[in-house]
Amino acid sequence: MRDEERRVDVVVVRHGLTSWNRERRYQGHRDIPLLLPEAEPDLDRLREALADVAFDAVHCSDLTRCRQTLAHVLEGRADPAPRLDARLRELAFGDYEGRTWAELKDDPEYRAWVDSQGRLTTPGGESADDLWARLSAWLEEVMAEARTAGHRRVLAVSHGGAIRELRRRLEAADFWDGVVGQAQGRRFTFTLEEDGWSCSSSSAVPAPASAIS
């Protein structure tokens, strides 16, 4: 097997700005659209960062804010048709969806969840382990297709909490350090070893200005 066949780049980016992002409300599985035109500058930067990358496969959370982000980033391109996948959704925040930190900060159950760094289950929602279960199932399929279909460059549009969980599991990033901004994400590079695929490196998308200059 050639070296290039033993490597897969999976670019996972967060959707653009929504009104609930601006209000610091938990969105979770709520189908909140982008805040336009305010979201466009960040989306334009992401589109420019990915302009020269030809993707072999495109995946997207089925929620509107991710579909809108993908449409903006890939406008006018001839990439493969996106696969909408609910496994790429944000953590389900349950009873906290639609509420802000200011509204919840004095709730003991909420404080316990925050202090657990997501390990506890949100009331009526999910835990970090629940989120990872569906993300890892998706990722296993992506890696399987790298072997069977030759996919080497994969794009996925997802959510902040999902990317943070990917970073925690794949980069060993601290829970609080794994946050990425709107229309930002990570490029995870996987290499095929004797015991299977492993994440060998990760970098910011778009690249920081200091890394470009």
N, C-alpha and C. Protein backbone atom coordinates (compact mmCIF):
# COMPACT_ATOMS: atom_id res chain seq x y z
N MET A 1 0.84 -1.20 0.00
CA MET A 1 0.00 0.00 0.00
C MET A 1 0.87 1.24 0.00
N ARG A 2 0.59 2.17 -0.90
CA ARG A 2 1.36 3.41 -0.98
C ARG A 2 1.08 4.29 0.23
N ASP A 3 2.05 5.19 0.53
CA ASP A 3 1.92 6.06 1.71
C ASP A 3 0.65 6.89 1.66
N GLU A 4 0.30 7.42 0.47
CA GLU A 4 -0.89 8.27 0.37
C GLU A 4 -2.17 7.48 0.63
N GLU A 5 -2.13 6.18 0.45
CA GLU A 5 -3.30 5.35 0.71
C GLU A 5 -3.44 5.01 2.19
N ARG A 6 -2.44 5.34 2.96
CA ARG A 6 -2.46 5.08 4.41
C ARG A 6 -2.82 6.33 5.20
N ARG A 7 -3.26 7.39 4.51
CA ARG A 7 -3.57 8.66 5.16
C ARG A 7 -4.94 9.16 4.73
N VAL A 8 -5.69 9.68 5.69
CA VAL A 8 -7.00 10.28 5.42
C VAL A 8 -7.09 11.59 6.21
N ASP A 9 -7.48 12.67 5.54
CA ASP A 9 -7.73 13.94 6.20
C ASP A 9 -9.24 14.13 6.36
N VAL A 10 -9.68 14.28 7.61
CA VAL A 10 -11.10 14.51 7.90
C VAL A 10 -11.23 15.92 8.47
N VAL A 11 -11.82 16.81 7.69
CA VAL A 11 -12.01 18.20 8.11
C VAL A 11 -13.42 18.33 8.69
N VAL A 12 -13.49 18.66 9.98
CA VAL A 12 -14.78 18.81 10.66
C VAL A 12 -14.92 20.26 11.10
N VAL A 13 -15.93 20.95 10.60
CA VAL A 13 -16.10 22.38 10.89
C VAL A 13 -17.45 22.64 11.55
N ARG A 14 -17.46 23.69 12.32
CA ARG A 14 -18.68 24.11 13.03
C ARG A 14 -19.51 25.02 12.13
N HIS A 15 -20.81 24.98 12.32
CA HIS A 15 -21.71 25.87 11.57
C HIS A 15 -21.44 27.33 11.91
N GLY A 16 -21.99 28.21 11.11
CA GLY A 16 -21.83 29.65 11.32
C GLY A 16 -22.72 30.18 12.45
N LEU A 17 -22.64 31.47 12.64
CA LEU A 17 -23.31 32.15 13.75
C LEU A 17 -24.84 32.07 13.64
N THR A 18 -25.50 31.83 14.78
CA THR A 18 -26.96 31.89 14.88
C THR A 18 -27.35 32.94 15.92
N SER A 19 -28.61 33.29 15.94
CA SER A 19 -29.08 34.24 16.96
C SER A 19 -28.92 33.65 18.35
N TRP A 20 -29.08 32.35 18.48
CA TRP A 20 -28.92 31.71 19.80
C TRP A 20 -27.45 31.66 20.22
N ASN A 21 -26.53 31.56 19.28
CA ASN A 21 -25.12 31.69 19.63
C ASN A 21 -24.88 33.07 20.24
N ARG A 22 -25.42 34.07 19.59
CA ARG A 22 -25.20 35.45 20.05
C ARG A 22 -25.82 35.65 21.43
N GLU A 23 -26.94 35.03 21.67
CA GLU A 23 -27.62 35.15 22.98
C GLU A 23 -27.10 34.16 24.00
N ARG A 24 -26.15 33.30 23.59
CA ARG A 24 -25.53 32.29 24.45
C ARG A 24 -26.56 31.31 25.00
N ARG A 25 -27.48 30.92 24.11
CA ARG A 25 -28.48 29.92 24.47
C ARG A 25 -28.02 28.53 24.02
N TYR A 26 -28.32 27.53 24.82
CA TYR A 26 -28.04 26.16 24.43
C TYR A 26 -28.96 25.78 23.27
N GLN A 27 -28.38 25.33 22.17
CA GLN A 27 -29.18 24.99 21.00
C GLN A 27 -29.46 23.49 20.91
N GLY A 28 -28.42 22.68 21.08
CA GLY A 28 -28.63 21.24 21.03
C GLY A 28 -29.28 20.79 19.74
N HIS A 29 -30.39 20.09 19.86
CA HIS A 29 -31.08 19.56 18.68
C HIS A 29 -32.14 20.52 18.15
N ARG A 30 -32.27 21.70 18.73
CA ARG A 30 -33.21 22.69 18.19
C ARG A 30 -32.73 23.12 16.81
N ASP A 31 -33.67 23.27 15.88
CA ASP A 31 -33.30 23.54 14.49
C ASP A 31 -33.28 25.04 14.23
N ILE A 32 -32.21 25.69 14.72
CA ILE A 32 -32.07 27.14 14.64
C ILE A 32 -31.29 27.50 13.37
N PRO A 33 -31.79 28.42 12.53
CA PRO A 33 -31.07 28.79 11.30
C PRO A 33 -29.92 29.75 11.59
N LEU A 34 -29.08 29.97 10.59
CA LEU A 34 -28.01 30.95 10.71
C LEU A 34 -28.57 32.36 10.86
N LEU A 35 -27.78 33.21 11.49
CA LEU A 35 -28.11 34.63 11.60
C LEU A 35 -27.44 35.35 10.43
N LEU A 36 -28.25 35.72 9.46
CA LEU A 36 -27.73 36.34 8.24
C LEU A 36 -28.20 37.79 8.14
N PRO A 37 -27.35 38.68 7.66
CA PRO A 37 -26.04 38.45 7.04
C PRO A 37 -24.87 38.39 8.02
N GLU A 38 -25.15 38.47 9.33
CA GLU A 38 -24.06 38.56 10.31
C GLU A 38 -23.09 37.38 10.24
N ALA A 39 -23.59 36.21 9.85
CA ALA A 39 -22.73 35.02 9.81
C ALA A 39 -21.79 34.99 8.61
N GLU A 40 -22.06 35.83 7.61
CA GLU A 40 -21.36 35.68 6.33
C GLU A 40 -19.85 35.93 6.37
N PRO A 41 -19.32 36.90 7.12
CA PRO A 41 -17.86 37.08 7.11
C PRO A 41 -17.10 35.83 7.55
N ASP A 42 -17.55 35.17 8.61
CA ASP A 42 -16.88 33.95 9.05
C ASP A 42 -17.04 32.84 8.02
N LEU A 43 -18.21 32.74 7.41
CA LEU A 43 -18.43 31.72 6.38
C LEU A 43 -17.54 31.97 5.17
N ASP A 44 -17.35 33.24 4.81
CA ASP A 44 -16.48 33.57 3.69
C ASP A 44 -15.04 33.15 3.96
N ARG A 45 -14.58 33.37 5.20
CA ARG A 45 -13.20 32.97 5.55
C ARG A 45 -13.05 31.46 5.47
N LEU A 46 -14.05 30.74 5.93
CA LEU A 46 -13.99 29.28 5.86
C LEU A 46 -14.00 28.81 4.41
N ARG A 47 -14.85 29.41 3.59
CA ARG A 47 -14.91 29.03 2.18
C ARG A 47 -13.56 29.27 1.51
N GLU A 48 -12.92 30.39 1.81
CA GLU A 48 -11.62 30.68 1.22
C GLU A 48 -10.57 29.66 1.69
N ALA A 49 -10.63 29.27 2.96
CA ALA A 49 -9.66 28.32 3.50
C ALA A 49 -9.76 26.95 2.85
N LEU A 50 -10.96 26.59 2.40
CA LEU A 50 -11.19 25.26 1.83
C LEU A 50 -11.27 25.29 0.30
N ALA A 51 -11.04 26.45 -0.30
CA ALA A 51 -11.26 26.62 -1.74
C ALA A 51 -10.43 25.68 -2.59
N ASP A 52 -9.22 25.35 -2.15
CA ASP A 52 -8.33 24.54 -2.97
C ASP A 52 -8.33 23.07 -2.59
N VAL A 53 -9.26 22.66 -1.71
CA VAL A 53 -9.32 21.26 -1.28
C VAL A 53 -10.45 20.56 -2.03
N ALA A 54 -10.11 19.52 -2.76
CA ALA A 54 -11.12 18.71 -3.46
C ALA A 54 -11.50 17.54 -2.56
N PHE A 55 -12.74 17.53 -2.11
CA PHE A 55 -13.18 16.50 -1.17
C PHE A 55 -13.73 15.28 -1.89
N ASP A 56 -13.41 14.10 -1.35
CA ASP A 56 -13.92 12.84 -1.90
C ASP A 56 -15.29 12.49 -1.33
N ALA A 57 -15.60 13.02 -0.16
CA ALA A 57 -16.89 12.75 0.48
C ALA A 57 -17.25 13.94 1.35
N VAL A 58 -18.54 14.23 1.44
CA VAL A 58 -19.04 15.36 2.23
C VAL A 58 -20.17 14.87 3.13
N HIS A 59 -20.04 15.17 4.44
CA HIS A 59 -21.04 14.78 5.42
C HIS A 59 -21.53 16.04 6.14
N CYS A 60 -22.76 16.00 6.64
CA CYS A 60 -23.33 17.20 7.28
C CYS A 60 -24.40 16.80 8.27
N SER A 61 -24.39 17.44 9.42
CA SER A 61 -25.52 17.34 10.34
C SER A 61 -26.79 17.73 9.60
N ASP A 62 -27.90 17.09 9.94
CA ASP A 62 -29.15 17.36 9.23
C ASP A 62 -29.83 18.64 9.68
N LEU A 63 -29.29 19.34 10.68
CA LEU A 63 -29.93 20.57 11.17
C LEU A 63 -29.64 21.74 10.23
N THR A 64 -30.60 22.66 10.16
CA THR A 64 -30.58 23.74 9.17
C THR A 64 -29.31 24.56 9.21
N ARG A 65 -28.82 24.92 10.40
CA ARG A 65 -27.65 25.79 10.48
C ARG A 65 -26.41 25.14 9.84
N CYS A 66 -26.31 23.83 9.91
CA CYS A 66 -25.19 23.14 9.26
C CYS A 66 -25.40 23.04 7.76
N ARG A 67 -26.61 22.77 7.33
CA ARG A 67 -26.88 22.68 5.89
C ARG A 67 -26.66 24.03 5.22
N GLN A 68 -27.05 25.11 5.90
CA GLN A 68 -26.81 26.44 5.33
C GLN A 68 -25.32 26.74 5.25
N THR A 69 -24.58 26.36 6.28
CA THR A 69 -23.13 26.57 6.29
C THR A 69 -22.48 25.83 5.13
N LEU A 70 -22.85 24.58 4.96
CA LEU A 70 -22.28 23.78 3.88
C LEU A 70 -22.60 24.38 2.52
N ALA A 71 -23.83 24.81 2.32
CA ALA A 71 -24.23 25.40 1.05
C ALA A 71 -23.39 26.63 0.73
N HIS A 72 -23.09 27.44 1.74
CA HIS A 72 -22.29 28.65 1.53
C HIS A 72 -20.84 28.28 1.19
N VAL A 73 -20.29 27.34 1.93
CA VAL A 73 -18.88 26.99 1.76
C VAL A 73 -18.63 26.32 0.40
N LEU A 74 -19.57 25.51 -0.04
CA LEU A 74 -19.36 24.75 -1.29
C LEU A 74 -20.12 25.36 -2.48
N GLU A 75 -20.58 26.58 -2.36
CA GLU A 75 -21.32 27.22 -3.45
C GLU A 75 -20.50 27.24 -4.73
N GLY A 76 -21.10 26.76 -5.83
CA GLY A 76 -20.46 26.79 -7.12
C GLY A 76 -19.43 25.70 -7.35
N ARG A 77 -19.26 24.78 -6.39
CA ARG A 77 -18.27 23.72 -6.53
C ARG A 77 -18.93 22.44 -7.01
N ALA A 78 -18.10 21.49 -7.40
CA ALA A 78 -18.60 20.22 -7.92
C ALA A 78 -18.24 19.06 -6.99
N ASP A 79 -18.29 19.32 -5.69
CA ASP A 79 -18.00 18.26 -4.71
C ASP A 79 -19.11 17.22 -4.70
N PRO A 80 -18.85 16.04 -4.13
CA PRO A 80 -19.90 15.01 -4.04
C PRO A 80 -21.12 15.52 -3.27
N ALA A 81 -22.28 14.97 -3.57
CA ALA A 81 -23.50 15.34 -2.86
C ALA A 81 -23.33 15.05 -1.37
N PRO A 82 -23.76 15.98 -0.51
CA PRO A 82 -23.58 15.76 0.94
C PRO A 82 -24.50 14.67 1.47
N ARG A 83 -24.02 13.98 2.47
CA ARG A 83 -24.83 13.00 3.18
C ARG A 83 -25.27 13.62 4.50
N LEU A 84 -26.55 13.79 4.67
CA LEU A 84 -27.07 14.34 5.92
C LEU A 84 -27.12 13.24 6.96
N ASP A 85 -26.58 13.52 8.14
CA ASP A 85 -26.41 12.47 9.15
C ASP A 85 -26.70 13.04 10.53
N ALA A 86 -27.75 12.54 11.18
CA ALA A 86 -28.13 13.03 12.51
C ALA A 86 -27.08 12.69 13.56
N ARG A 87 -26.18 11.75 13.28
CA ARG A 87 -25.14 11.43 14.25
C ARG A 87 -24.15 12.58 14.43
N LEU A 88 -24.14 13.53 13.49
CA LEU A 88 -23.26 14.69 13.58
C LEU A 88 -23.91 15.86 14.32
N ARG A 89 -25.08 15.65 14.87
CA ARG A 89 -25.76 16.72 15.61
C ARG A 89 -25.00 17.08 16.90
N GLU A 90 -25.34 18.25 17.40
CA GLU A 90 -24.84 18.72 18.69
C GLU A 90 -25.31 17.77 19.79
N LEU A 91 -24.64 17.84 20.94
CA LEU A 91 -25.13 17.17 22.13
C LEU A 91 -26.57 17.58 22.39
N ALA A 92 -27.42 16.63 22.72
CA ALA A 92 -28.80 16.96 23.11
C ALA A 92 -28.79 17.49 24.54
N PHE A 93 -29.09 18.77 24.70
CA PHE A 93 -29.06 19.40 26.02
C PHE A 93 -30.36 19.22 26.80
N GLY A 94 -31.34 18.57 26.21
CA GLY A 94 -32.56 18.27 26.93
C GLY A 94 -33.27 19.51 27.45
N ASP A 95 -33.51 19.52 28.76
CA ASP A 95 -34.26 20.62 29.38
C ASP A 95 -33.52 21.95 29.31
N TYR A 96 -32.22 21.93 29.01
CA TYR A 96 -31.45 23.17 28.97
C TYR A 96 -31.56 23.88 27.62
N GLU A 97 -32.09 23.24 26.62
CA GLU A 97 -32.15 23.85 25.29
C GLU A 97 -33.06 25.08 25.30
N GLY A 98 -32.56 26.13 24.71
CA GLY A 98 -33.30 27.39 24.68
C GLY A 98 -33.03 28.28 25.88
N ARG A 99 -32.24 27.79 26.83
CA ARG A 99 -31.96 28.57 28.05
C ARG A 99 -30.50 29.02 28.05
N THR A 100 -30.21 30.05 28.84
CA THR A 100 -28.87 30.62 28.90
C THR A 100 -28.21 30.26 30.23
N TRP A 101 -26.87 30.48 30.27
CA TRP A 101 -26.14 30.25 31.51
C TRP A 101 -26.71 31.11 32.63
N ALA A 102 -27.06 32.37 32.33
CA ALA A 102 -27.58 33.27 33.36
C ALA A 102 -28.87 32.73 33.97
N GLU A 103 -29.66 32.06 33.15
CA GLU A 103 -30.92 31.49 33.64
C GLU A 103 -30.70 30.23 34.46
N LEU A 104 -29.60 29.53 34.20
CA LEU A 104 -29.38 28.21 34.80
C LEU A 104 -28.35 28.20 35.92
N LYS A 105 -27.57 29.25 36.07
CA LYS A 105 -26.38 29.21 36.91
C LYS A 105 -26.64 28.86 38.37
N ASP A 106 -27.85 29.10 38.87
CA ASP A 106 -28.15 28.80 40.27
C ASP A 106 -28.85 27.45 40.46
N ASP A 107 -29.01 26.70 39.38
CA ASP A 107 -29.64 25.39 39.44
C ASP A 107 -28.57 24.36 39.83
N PRO A 108 -28.71 23.68 40.98
CA PRO A 108 -27.69 22.72 41.43
C PRO A 108 -27.44 21.60 40.42
N GLU A 109 -28.49 21.13 39.78
CA GLU A 109 -28.33 20.05 38.81
C GLU A 109 -27.50 20.52 37.61
N TYR A 110 -27.74 21.75 37.19
CA TYR A 110 -26.97 22.32 36.09
C TYR A 110 -25.52 22.51 36.50
N ARG A 111 -25.28 23.01 37.70
CA ARG A 111 -23.91 23.21 38.18
C ARG A 111 -23.16 21.88 38.23
N ALA A 112 -23.84 20.83 38.65
CA ALA A 112 -23.21 19.50 38.71
C ALA A 112 -22.84 19.02 37.32
N TRP A 113 -23.70 19.29 36.35
CA TRP A 113 -23.41 18.88 34.97
C TRP A 113 -22.21 19.63 34.43
N VAL A 114 -22.15 20.95 34.65
CA VAL A 114 -21.01 21.74 34.20
C VAL A 114 -19.73 21.24 34.86
N ASP A 115 -19.78 21.01 36.16
CA ASP A 115 -18.59 20.56 36.88
C ASP A 115 -18.12 19.19 36.42
N SER A 116 -19.03 18.39 35.88
CA SER A 116 -18.66 17.04 35.40
C SER A 116 -18.01 17.09 34.02
N GLN A 117 -17.94 18.28 33.42
CA GLN A 117 -17.40 18.45 32.07
C GLN A 117 -18.14 17.56 31.07
N GLY A 118 -19.46 17.52 31.23
CA GLY A 118 -20.30 16.81 30.29
C GLY A 118 -20.46 15.32 30.54
N ARG A 119 -19.80 14.79 31.55
CA ARG A 119 -19.89 13.36 31.77
C ARG A 119 -21.25 12.94 32.31
N LEU A 120 -21.89 13.84 33.07
CA LEU A 120 -23.26 13.56 33.51
C LEU A 120 -24.21 13.77 32.34
N THR A 121 -25.37 13.17 32.42
CA THR A 121 -26.39 13.32 31.38
C THR A 121 -27.24 14.54 31.68
N THR A 122 -27.46 15.37 30.67
CA THR A 122 -28.35 16.51 30.85
C THR A 122 -29.78 16.00 31.07
N PRO A 123 -30.61 16.70 31.86
CA PRO A 123 -31.98 16.25 32.08
C PRO A 123 -32.75 16.14 30.77
N GLY A 124 -33.14 14.94 30.42
CA GLY A 124 -33.86 14.73 29.17
C GLY A 124 -32.97 14.74 27.94
N GLY A 125 -31.64 14.74 28.13
CA GLY A 125 -30.72 14.84 27.01
C GLY A 125 -29.68 13.74 26.99
N GLU A 126 -28.42 14.11 26.69
CA GLU A 126 -27.34 13.16 26.50
C GLU A 126 -26.16 13.49 27.40
N SER A 127 -25.28 12.52 27.54
CA SER A 127 -23.98 12.72 28.18
C SER A 127 -22.91 12.78 27.09
N ALA A 128 -21.68 13.11 27.49
CA ALA A 128 -20.57 13.11 26.54
C ALA A 128 -20.35 11.72 25.96
N ASP A 129 -20.55 10.69 26.77
CA ASP A 129 -20.39 9.32 26.27
C ASP A 129 -21.44 9.00 25.21
N ASP A 130 -22.66 9.50 25.41
CA ASP A 130 -23.71 9.30 24.40
C ASP A 130 -23.32 9.97 23.08
N LEU A 131 -22.80 11.18 23.19
CA LEU A 131 -22.38 11.92 22.01
C LEU A 131 -21.25 11.18 21.30
N TRP A 132 -20.27 10.71 22.06
CA TRP A 132 -19.14 10.01 21.45
C TRP A 132 -19.59 8.70 20.79
N ALA A 133 -20.57 8.04 21.35
CA ALA A 133 -21.04 6.78 20.78
C ALA A 133 -21.51 6.99 19.34
N ARG A 134 -22.25 8.06 19.10
CA ARG A 134 -22.73 8.27 17.73
C ARG A 134 -21.65 8.86 16.83
N LEU A 135 -20.79 9.73 17.39
CA LEU A 135 -19.70 10.28 16.59
C LEU A 135 -18.70 9.19 16.19
N SER A 136 -18.38 8.31 17.11
CA SER A 136 -17.41 7.26 16.81
C SER A 136 -17.97 6.26 15.81
N ALA A 137 -19.29 6.00 15.86
CA ALA A 137 -19.91 5.12 14.86
C ALA A 137 -19.81 5.75 13.48
N TRP A 138 -20.06 7.06 13.41
CA TRP A 138 -19.91 7.77 12.13
C TRP A 138 -18.47 7.71 11.65
N LEU A 139 -17.53 7.96 12.55
CA LEU A 139 -16.13 7.98 12.18
C LEU A 139 -15.65 6.61 11.70
N GLU A 140 -16.12 5.56 12.31
CA GLU A 140 -15.75 4.22 11.87
C GLU A 140 -16.20 3.97 10.43
N GLU A 141 -17.38 4.47 10.08
CA GLU A 141 -17.85 4.32 8.70
C GLU A 141 -16.99 5.13 7.73
N VAL A 142 -16.59 6.32 8.14
CA VAL A 142 -15.72 7.15 7.30
C VAL A 142 -14.41 6.42 7.05
N MET A 143 -13.83 5.84 8.08
CA MET A 143 -12.57 5.13 7.94
C MET A 143 -12.73 3.86 7.09
N ALA A 144 -13.87 3.19 7.23
CA ALA A 144 -14.11 2.00 6.41
C ALA A 144 -14.18 2.37 4.94
N GLU A 145 -14.82 3.52 4.64
CA GLU A 145 -14.91 3.97 3.25
C GLU A 145 -13.56 4.42 2.70
N ALA A 146 -12.68 4.82 3.58
CA ALA A 146 -11.33 5.15 3.12
C ALA A 146 -10.67 3.90 2.53
N ARG A 147 -10.97 2.76 3.10
CA ARG A 147 -10.40 1.51 2.58
C ARG A 147 -11.15 1.03 1.34
N THR A 148 -12.49 1.09 1.37
CA THR A 148 -13.27 0.50 0.28
C THR A 148 -13.48 1.41 -0.91
N ALA A 149 -13.59 2.72 -0.66
CA ALA A 149 -13.89 3.67 -1.74
C ALA A 149 -12.74 4.61 -2.06
N GLY A 150 -11.67 4.52 -1.29
CA GLY A 150 -10.51 5.36 -1.58
C GLY A 150 -10.66 6.81 -1.18
N HIS A 151 -11.57 7.11 -0.25
CA HIS A 151 -11.75 8.50 0.18
C HIS A 151 -10.53 8.95 1.00
N ARG A 152 -9.91 10.03 0.57
CA ARG A 152 -8.72 10.54 1.26
C ARG A 152 -8.94 11.91 1.88
N ARG A 153 -9.92 12.64 1.39
CA ARG A 153 -10.23 13.98 1.91
C ARG A 153 -11.73 14.05 2.16
N VAL A 154 -12.09 14.20 3.42
CA VAL A 154 -13.49 14.15 3.84
C VAL A 154 -13.84 15.44 4.56
N LEU A 155 -14.99 16.03 4.23
CA LEU A 155 -15.48 17.22 4.90
C LEU A 155 -16.74 16.88 5.68
N ALA A 156 -16.84 17.40 6.90
CA ALA A 156 -18.06 17.24 7.69
C ALA A 156 -18.39 18.57 8.35
N VAL A 157 -19.67 18.96 8.30
CA VAL A 157 -20.13 20.16 8.98
C VAL A 157 -20.94 19.71 10.18
N SER A 158 -20.53 20.16 11.36
CA SER A 158 -21.15 19.67 12.59
C SER A 158 -21.33 20.85 13.56
N HIS A 159 -21.11 20.60 14.84
CA HIS A 159 -21.45 21.55 15.90
C HIS A 159 -20.30 21.68 16.89
N GLY A 160 -20.33 22.74 17.68
CA GLY A 160 -19.25 23.02 18.62
C GLY A 160 -19.01 21.91 19.62
N GLY A 161 -20.08 21.40 20.23
CA GLY A 161 -19.92 20.34 21.22
C GLY A 161 -19.40 19.06 20.61
N ALA A 162 -19.82 18.77 19.39
CA ALA A 162 -19.36 17.56 18.70
C ALA A 162 -17.87 17.66 18.40
N ILE A 163 -17.41 18.83 17.94
CA ILE A 163 -15.99 19.00 17.65
C ILE A 163 -15.17 18.96 18.94
N ARG A 164 -15.70 19.56 20.00
CA ARG A 164 -14.99 19.48 21.28
C ARG A 164 -14.83 18.04 21.72
N GLU A 165 -15.84 17.22 21.54
CA GLU A 165 -15.74 15.81 21.94
C GLU A 165 -14.75 15.06 21.05
N LEU A 166 -14.74 15.36 19.76
CA LEU A 166 -13.75 14.76 18.88
C LEU A 166 -12.34 15.14 19.32
N ARG A 167 -12.14 16.38 19.67
CA ARG A 167 -10.82 16.82 20.11
C ARG A 167 -10.42 16.16 21.42
N ARG A 168 -11.38 16.00 22.31
CA ARG A 168 -11.07 15.37 23.59
C ARG A 168 -10.64 13.92 23.39
N ARG A 169 -11.33 13.22 22.48
CA ARG A 169 -11.04 11.80 22.27
C ARG A 169 -9.84 11.58 21.36
N LEU A 170 -9.67 12.44 20.35
CA LEU A 170 -8.63 12.20 19.35
C LEU A 170 -7.33 12.94 19.64
N GLU A 171 -7.43 14.10 20.31
CA GLU A 171 -6.24 14.91 20.60
C GLU A 171 -5.86 14.89 22.07
N ALA A 172 -6.73 14.30 22.91
CA ALA A 172 -6.56 14.37 24.36
C ALA A 172 -6.60 15.82 24.83
N ALA A 173 -7.39 16.64 24.15
CA ALA A 173 -7.54 18.05 24.53
C ALA A 173 -8.39 18.15 25.79
N ASP A 174 -8.07 19.13 26.63
CA ASP A 174 -8.89 19.39 27.80
C ASP A 174 -10.29 19.83 27.37
N PHE A 175 -11.28 19.47 28.17
CA PHE A 175 -12.67 19.78 27.84
C PHE A 175 -12.84 21.26 27.53
N TRP A 176 -12.25 22.13 28.33
CA TRP A 176 -12.46 23.56 28.15
C TRP A 176 -11.61 24.13 27.03
N ASP A 177 -10.58 23.41 26.61
CA ASP A 177 -9.71 23.88 25.53
C ASP A 177 -10.17 23.43 24.15
N GLY A 178 -11.19 22.58 24.10
CA GLY A 178 -11.60 21.99 22.83
C GLY A 178 -12.59 22.81 22.03
N VAL A 179 -12.96 23.98 22.54
CA VAL A 179 -13.97 24.80 21.87
C VAL A 179 -13.39 25.44 20.60
N VAL A 180 -14.18 25.45 19.54
CA VAL A 180 -13.83 26.19 18.32
C VAL A 180 -14.92 27.21 18.04
N GLY A 181 -14.56 28.27 17.34
CA GLY A 181 -15.52 29.32 17.04
C GLY A 181 -16.45 28.95 15.90
N GLN A 182 -17.43 29.83 15.65
CA GLN A 182 -18.34 29.61 14.54
C GLN A 182 -17.57 29.59 13.22
N ALA A 183 -17.96 28.65 12.33
CA ALA A 183 -17.32 28.49 11.02
C ALA A 183 -15.83 28.23 11.14
N GLN A 184 -15.45 27.52 12.21
CA GLN A 184 -14.08 27.06 12.40
C GLN A 184 -14.11 25.57 12.73
N GLY A 185 -12.95 24.94 12.67
CA GLY A 185 -12.92 23.52 12.98
C GLY A 185 -11.53 22.97 13.04
N ARG A 186 -11.42 21.66 12.76
CA ARG A 186 -10.14 20.97 12.84
C ARG A 186 -9.95 20.05 11.64
N ARG A 187 -8.71 19.91 11.24
CA ARG A 187 -8.34 18.91 10.24
C ARG A 187 -7.66 17.77 10.98
N PHE A 188 -8.33 16.63 11.08
CA PHE A 188 -7.78 15.45 11.73
C PHE A 188 -7.14 14.57 10.66
N THR A 189 -5.87 14.26 10.84
CA THR A 189 -5.18 13.38 9.91
C THR A 189 -5.05 12.00 10.54
N PHE A 190 -5.58 11.01 9.83
CA PHE A 190 -5.53 9.62 10.29
C PHE A 190 -4.54 8.84 9.43
N THR A 191 -3.77 7.99 10.08
CA THR A 191 -2.86 7.10 9.37
C THR A 191 -3.20 5.66 9.71
N LEU A 192 -2.99 4.78 8.73
CA LEU A 192 -3.30 3.37 8.90
C LEU A 192 -2.11 2.64 9.48
N GLU A 193 -2.28 2.11 10.68
CA GLU A 193 -1.24 1.34 11.35
C GLU A 193 -1.63 -0.14 11.33
N GLU A 194 -0.79 -0.98 11.91
CA GLU A 194 -1.08 -2.42 11.92
C GLU A 194 -2.38 -2.74 12.63
N ASP A 195 -2.69 -1.96 13.67
CA ASP A 195 -3.91 -2.23 14.45
C ASP A 195 -5.08 -1.35 14.02
N GLY A 196 -4.98 -0.68 12.88
CA GLY A 196 -6.09 0.12 12.37
C GLY A 196 -5.73 1.60 12.25
N TRP A 197 -6.77 2.42 12.01
CA TRP A 197 -6.57 3.85 11.83
C TRP A 197 -6.36 4.55 13.17
N SER A 198 -5.47 5.52 13.20
CA SER A 198 -5.29 6.34 14.39
C SER A 198 -5.06 7.78 13.97
N CYS A 199 -5.47 8.71 14.84
CA CYS A 199 -5.29 10.14 14.55
C CYS A 199 -3.86 10.51 14.85
N SER A 200 -3.11 10.88 13.81
CA SER A 200 -1.69 11.18 13.97
C SER A 200 -1.41 12.66 14.15
N SER A 201 -2.32 13.53 13.71
CA SER A 201 -2.12 14.96 13.90
C SER A 201 -3.44 15.70 13.72
N SER A 202 -3.46 16.96 14.16
CA SER A 202 -4.65 17.78 14.05
C SER A 202 -4.22 19.23 13.93
N SER A 203 -4.98 20.01 13.16
CA SER A 203 -4.64 21.42 12.98
C SER A 203 -5.91 22.23 12.82
N ALA A 204 -5.78 23.54 13.05
CA ALA A 204 -6.94 24.43 13.01
C ALA A 204 -7.36 24.73 11.57
N VAL A 205 -8.67 24.86 11.37
CA VAL A 205 -9.26 25.27 10.10
C VAL A 205 -10.27 26.38 10.38
N PRO A 206 -10.11 27.57 9.74
CA PRO A 206 -8.97 28.02 8.94
C PRO A 206 -7.70 28.10 9.79
N ALA A 207 -6.55 28.02 9.14
CA ALA A 207 -5.29 28.14 9.86
C ALA A 207 -5.18 29.52 10.48
N PRO A 208 -4.63 29.62 11.71
CA PRO A 208 -4.44 30.95 12.33
C PRO A 208 -3.59 31.85 11.44
N ALA A 209 -3.84 33.13 11.52
CA ALA A 209 -3.09 34.08 10.68
C ALA A 209 -1.59 33.96 10.89
N SER A 210 -1.14 33.68 12.12
CA SER A 210 0.28 33.57 12.41
C SER A 210 0.91 32.38 11.69
N ALA A 211 0.08 31.34 11.40
CA ALA A 211 0.60 30.14 10.73
C ALA A 211 0.70 30.35 9.22
N ILE A 212 -0.01 31.37 8.72
CA ILE A 212 -0.03 31.64 7.28
C ILE A 212 1.07 32.61 6.89
N SER A 213 1.30 33.62 7.75
CA SER A 213 2.26 34.68 7.42
C SER A 213 3.69 34.19 7.51
